[in-house]
N, C-alpha and C. Protein backbone atom coordinates (compact mmCIF):
# COMPACT_ATOMS: atom_id res chain seq x y z
N MET A 1 7.69 -5.58 -10.87
CA MET A 1 8.08 -4.51 -9.98
C MET A 1 9.30 -4.88 -9.14
N LYS A 2 9.40 -6.15 -8.76
CA LYS A 2 10.52 -6.55 -7.91
C LYS A 2 11.87 -6.31 -8.58
N PRO A 3 12.04 -6.66 -9.87
CA PRO A 3 13.34 -6.41 -10.49
C PRO A 3 13.71 -4.92 -10.51
N THR A 4 12.74 -4.07 -10.78
CA THR A 4 13.00 -2.63 -10.82
C THR A 4 13.36 -2.10 -9.44
N LEU A 5 12.60 -2.48 -8.43
CA LEU A 5 12.89 -2.04 -7.07
C LEU A 5 14.23 -2.60 -6.60
N THR A 6 14.53 -3.85 -6.94
CA THR A 6 15.82 -4.46 -6.59
C THR A 6 16.97 -3.67 -7.21
N GLN A 7 16.80 -3.28 -8.47
CA GLN A 7 17.84 -2.51 -9.16
C GLN A 7 18.06 -1.16 -8.48
N ILE A 8 16.99 -0.50 -8.09
CA ILE A 8 17.10 0.79 -7.41
C ILE A 8 17.81 0.62 -6.08
N ILE A 9 17.44 -0.40 -5.33
CA ILE A 9 18.08 -0.67 -4.04
C ILE A 9 19.55 -1.00 -4.26
N GLN A 10 19.87 -1.81 -5.27
CA GLN A 10 21.26 -2.16 -5.54
C GLN A 10 22.08 -0.92 -5.89
N GLN A 11 21.50 0.00 -6.63
CA GLN A 11 22.20 1.24 -6.95
C GLN A 11 22.52 2.01 -5.67
N GLY A 12 21.58 2.05 -4.75
CA GLY A 12 21.81 2.72 -3.47
C GLY A 12 22.90 2.03 -2.66
N ILE A 13 22.93 0.70 -2.72
CA ILE A 13 23.98 -0.06 -2.02
C ILE A 13 25.33 0.24 -2.66
N ASP A 14 25.39 0.20 -3.99
CA ASP A 14 26.64 0.46 -4.71
C ASP A 14 27.16 1.87 -4.43
N ASN A 15 26.26 2.83 -4.25
CA ASN A 15 26.65 4.21 -3.98
C ASN A 15 26.92 4.47 -2.50
N GLY A 16 26.72 3.46 -1.67
CA GLY A 16 26.95 3.62 -0.24
C GLY A 16 25.83 4.34 0.48
N GLU A 17 24.69 4.50 -0.18
CA GLU A 17 23.55 5.21 0.41
C GLU A 17 22.62 4.29 1.19
N ILE A 18 22.64 3.02 0.85
CA ILE A 18 21.79 2.03 1.51
C ILE A 18 22.70 0.95 2.05
N HIS A 19 22.44 0.54 3.27
CA HIS A 19 23.25 -0.49 3.92
C HIS A 19 22.37 -1.72 4.18
N PHE A 20 22.41 -2.63 3.24
CA PHE A 20 21.62 -3.86 3.35
C PHE A 20 22.26 -4.88 2.43
N ASP A 21 22.38 -6.11 2.90
CA ASP A 21 23.09 -7.14 2.14
C ASP A 21 22.24 -7.89 1.13
N TYR A 22 20.94 -7.72 1.16
CA TYR A 22 20.05 -8.53 0.34
C TYR A 22 19.04 -7.65 -0.40
N PRO A 23 19.46 -7.00 -1.50
CA PRO A 23 18.55 -6.06 -2.17
C PRO A 23 17.28 -6.71 -2.69
N ALA A 24 17.35 -7.92 -3.24
CA ALA A 24 16.14 -8.58 -3.75
C ALA A 24 15.18 -8.90 -2.62
N ALA A 25 15.72 -9.32 -1.48
CA ALA A 25 14.86 -9.62 -0.34
C ALA A 25 14.19 -8.35 0.18
N LEU A 26 14.93 -7.26 0.23
CA LEU A 26 14.35 -6.00 0.69
C LEU A 26 13.24 -5.54 -0.26
N ALA A 27 13.49 -5.65 -1.55
CA ALA A 27 12.46 -5.30 -2.52
C ALA A 27 11.21 -6.15 -2.31
N GLU A 28 11.41 -7.43 -2.11
CA GLU A 28 10.27 -8.33 -1.91
C GLU A 28 9.52 -7.99 -0.63
N ILE A 29 10.23 -7.69 0.44
CA ILE A 29 9.59 -7.33 1.71
C ILE A 29 8.71 -6.10 1.53
N VAL A 30 9.26 -5.08 0.87
CA VAL A 30 8.49 -3.85 0.63
C VAL A 30 7.23 -4.18 -0.17
N LEU A 31 7.38 -4.96 -1.22
CA LEU A 31 6.23 -5.28 -2.06
C LEU A 31 5.20 -6.15 -1.35
N ILE A 32 5.66 -7.06 -0.51
CA ILE A 32 4.73 -7.90 0.25
C ILE A 32 3.90 -7.06 1.20
N VAL A 33 4.58 -6.20 1.96
CA VAL A 33 3.86 -5.36 2.91
C VAL A 33 2.83 -4.49 2.17
N LEU A 34 3.27 -3.86 1.08
CA LEU A 34 2.34 -3.01 0.33
C LEU A 34 1.19 -3.81 -0.26
N SER A 35 1.48 -4.99 -0.80
CA SER A 35 0.42 -5.82 -1.40
C SER A 35 -0.62 -6.23 -0.37
N ILE A 36 -0.15 -6.66 0.78
CA ILE A 36 -1.08 -7.13 1.82
C ILE A 36 -1.91 -5.98 2.36
N LYS A 37 -1.25 -4.87 2.64
CA LYS A 37 -1.98 -3.75 3.23
C LYS A 37 -2.94 -3.11 2.23
N LEU A 38 -2.51 -2.98 0.98
CA LEU A 38 -3.36 -2.29 0.01
C LEU A 38 -4.48 -3.18 -0.52
N ASP A 39 -4.28 -4.50 -0.51
CA ASP A 39 -5.34 -5.42 -0.91
C ASP A 39 -6.46 -5.38 0.13
N ASN A 40 -6.08 -5.31 1.38
CA ASN A 40 -6.99 -5.11 2.51
C ASN A 40 -8.00 -6.25 2.71
N THR A 41 -7.70 -7.46 2.23
CA THR A 41 -8.58 -8.59 2.50
C THR A 41 -7.94 -9.58 3.47
N LEU A 42 -6.63 -9.81 3.35
CA LEU A 42 -5.95 -10.75 4.25
C LEU A 42 -5.89 -10.20 5.67
N VAL A 43 -5.57 -8.92 5.78
CA VAL A 43 -5.53 -8.25 7.07
C VAL A 43 -6.39 -6.99 6.94
N PRO A 44 -7.70 -7.13 7.11
CA PRO A 44 -8.57 -5.96 6.96
C PRO A 44 -8.14 -4.84 7.91
N SER A 45 -8.04 -3.64 7.36
CA SER A 45 -7.54 -2.50 8.12
C SER A 45 -8.31 -1.25 7.74
N THR A 46 -8.35 -0.33 8.68
CA THR A 46 -8.92 0.98 8.38
C THR A 46 -7.88 1.78 7.59
N PRO A 47 -8.30 2.85 6.93
CA PRO A 47 -7.30 3.70 6.26
C PRO A 47 -6.22 4.20 7.21
N GLU A 48 -6.60 4.48 8.45
CA GLU A 48 -5.63 4.95 9.43
C GLU A 48 -4.60 3.86 9.74
N GLU A 49 -5.05 2.62 9.88
CA GLU A 49 -4.13 1.50 10.15
C GLU A 49 -3.20 1.25 8.97
N ILE A 50 -3.74 1.35 7.76
CA ILE A 50 -2.90 1.19 6.57
C ILE A 50 -1.83 2.27 6.55
N GLY A 51 -2.23 3.50 6.80
CA GLY A 51 -1.27 4.61 6.83
C GLY A 51 -0.20 4.41 7.89
N GLU A 52 -0.61 3.93 9.06
CA GLU A 52 0.36 3.69 10.14
C GLU A 52 1.36 2.61 9.74
N THR A 53 0.89 1.53 9.13
CA THR A 53 1.79 0.47 8.69
C THR A 53 2.76 0.98 7.64
N ILE A 54 2.28 1.75 6.70
CA ILE A 54 3.15 2.26 5.64
C ILE A 54 4.15 3.25 6.22
N ARG A 55 3.71 4.11 7.14
CA ARG A 55 4.66 5.02 7.80
C ARG A 55 5.69 4.23 8.59
N GLY A 56 5.28 3.15 9.22
CA GLY A 56 6.23 2.30 9.94
C GLY A 56 7.23 1.65 9.00
N LEU A 57 6.77 1.20 7.85
CA LEU A 57 7.68 0.62 6.86
C LEU A 57 8.70 1.65 6.40
N ILE A 58 8.23 2.86 6.13
CA ILE A 58 9.15 3.92 5.70
C ILE A 58 10.15 4.23 6.81
N ALA A 59 9.72 4.29 8.05
CA ALA A 59 10.64 4.56 9.16
C ALA A 59 11.67 3.44 9.28
N LEU A 60 11.25 2.21 9.08
CA LEU A 60 12.18 1.08 9.12
C LEU A 60 13.20 1.18 7.99
N LEU A 61 12.75 1.53 6.81
CA LEU A 61 13.65 1.68 5.68
C LEU A 61 14.66 2.81 5.89
N GLU A 62 14.23 3.88 6.57
CA GLU A 62 15.12 5.00 6.82
C GLU A 62 16.32 4.59 7.67
N LYS A 63 16.15 3.59 8.51
CA LYS A 63 17.24 3.16 9.39
C LYS A 63 18.42 2.58 8.62
N GLY A 64 18.20 2.13 7.40
CA GLY A 64 19.27 1.55 6.61
C GLY A 64 19.81 2.46 5.51
N THR A 65 19.43 3.74 5.57
CA THR A 65 19.87 4.65 4.51
C THR A 65 20.60 5.85 5.10
N GLU A 66 21.63 6.32 4.36
CA GLU A 66 22.33 7.54 4.76
C GLU A 66 21.63 8.76 4.20
N ASN A 67 20.98 8.61 3.08
CA ASN A 67 20.17 9.70 2.56
C ASN A 67 18.79 9.13 2.29
N HIS A 68 17.96 9.94 1.72
CA HIS A 68 16.57 9.51 1.59
C HIS A 68 16.19 9.10 0.17
N ALA A 69 17.15 8.60 -0.60
CA ALA A 69 16.86 8.21 -1.98
C ALA A 69 15.81 7.11 -2.03
N LEU A 70 15.99 6.05 -1.26
CA LEU A 70 15.02 4.96 -1.25
C LEU A 70 13.69 5.42 -0.67
N ILE A 71 13.77 6.23 0.36
CA ILE A 71 12.55 6.71 1.00
C ILE A 71 11.74 7.57 0.02
N LEU A 72 12.42 8.43 -0.71
CA LEU A 72 11.72 9.27 -1.69
C LEU A 72 11.05 8.41 -2.76
N PHE A 73 11.78 7.37 -3.22
CA PHE A 73 11.20 6.48 -4.22
C PHE A 73 9.98 5.76 -3.64
N CYS A 74 10.14 5.19 -2.45
CA CYS A 74 9.03 4.44 -1.85
C CYS A 74 7.84 5.35 -1.59
N SER A 75 8.09 6.56 -1.11
CA SER A 75 7.00 7.49 -0.85
C SER A 75 6.26 7.84 -2.14
N ALA A 76 7.01 8.10 -3.20
CA ALA A 76 6.39 8.42 -4.49
C ALA A 76 5.62 7.22 -5.01
N PHE A 77 6.21 6.03 -4.89
CA PHE A 77 5.57 4.80 -5.35
C PHE A 77 4.28 4.56 -4.57
N ILE A 78 4.35 4.68 -3.26
CA ILE A 78 3.18 4.44 -2.41
C ILE A 78 2.10 5.47 -2.73
N SER A 79 2.47 6.72 -2.88
CA SER A 79 1.49 7.76 -3.20
C SER A 79 0.80 7.47 -4.52
N GLU A 80 1.57 7.05 -5.51
CA GLU A 80 0.99 6.73 -6.82
C GLU A 80 0.03 5.56 -6.71
N VAL A 81 0.43 4.52 -5.98
CA VAL A 81 -0.43 3.34 -5.82
C VAL A 81 -1.71 3.72 -5.10
N LEU A 82 -1.60 4.50 -4.04
CA LEU A 82 -2.78 4.89 -3.29
C LEU A 82 -3.68 5.79 -4.12
N TRP A 83 -3.09 6.72 -4.87
CA TRP A 83 -3.88 7.61 -5.72
C TRP A 83 -4.61 6.81 -6.78
N THR A 84 -3.92 5.86 -7.39
CA THR A 84 -4.52 5.03 -8.43
C THR A 84 -5.65 4.19 -7.85
N ALA A 85 -5.46 3.71 -6.61
CA ALA A 85 -6.48 2.88 -5.97
C ALA A 85 -7.61 3.70 -5.39
N GLY A 86 -7.46 5.04 -5.41
CA GLY A 86 -8.50 5.89 -4.85
C GLY A 86 -8.49 5.93 -3.35
N LYS A 87 -7.35 5.60 -2.74
CA LYS A 87 -7.22 5.62 -1.28
C LYS A 87 -6.40 6.83 -0.88
N VAL A 88 -6.59 7.23 0.34
CA VAL A 88 -5.86 8.39 0.85
C VAL A 88 -4.97 7.93 1.98
N LEU A 89 -3.69 8.32 1.93
CA LEU A 89 -2.76 8.01 3.01
C LEU A 89 -2.91 9.07 4.08
N PRO A 90 -3.35 8.65 5.28
CA PRO A 90 -3.53 9.64 6.35
C PRO A 90 -2.21 10.20 6.81
């Protein structure tokens, strides 16, 4: 997943839509946060807390984008992961 997400982020950087110097690091950060929160064993959380963390991650990502290309991808990705896991994003 990291190479695919890195490529998407790099495309956004190349197009001037994302302003971040380290696309692989950003991809890894997104995946780490999602892995930890969705696994829910390292930092046990309620569904509401998971949703708040994910909304916070999306808000943080929005600060580095001129449009919402990355945000739309992340939102779709997160929704798919949550749907597959049988969890609901509040």
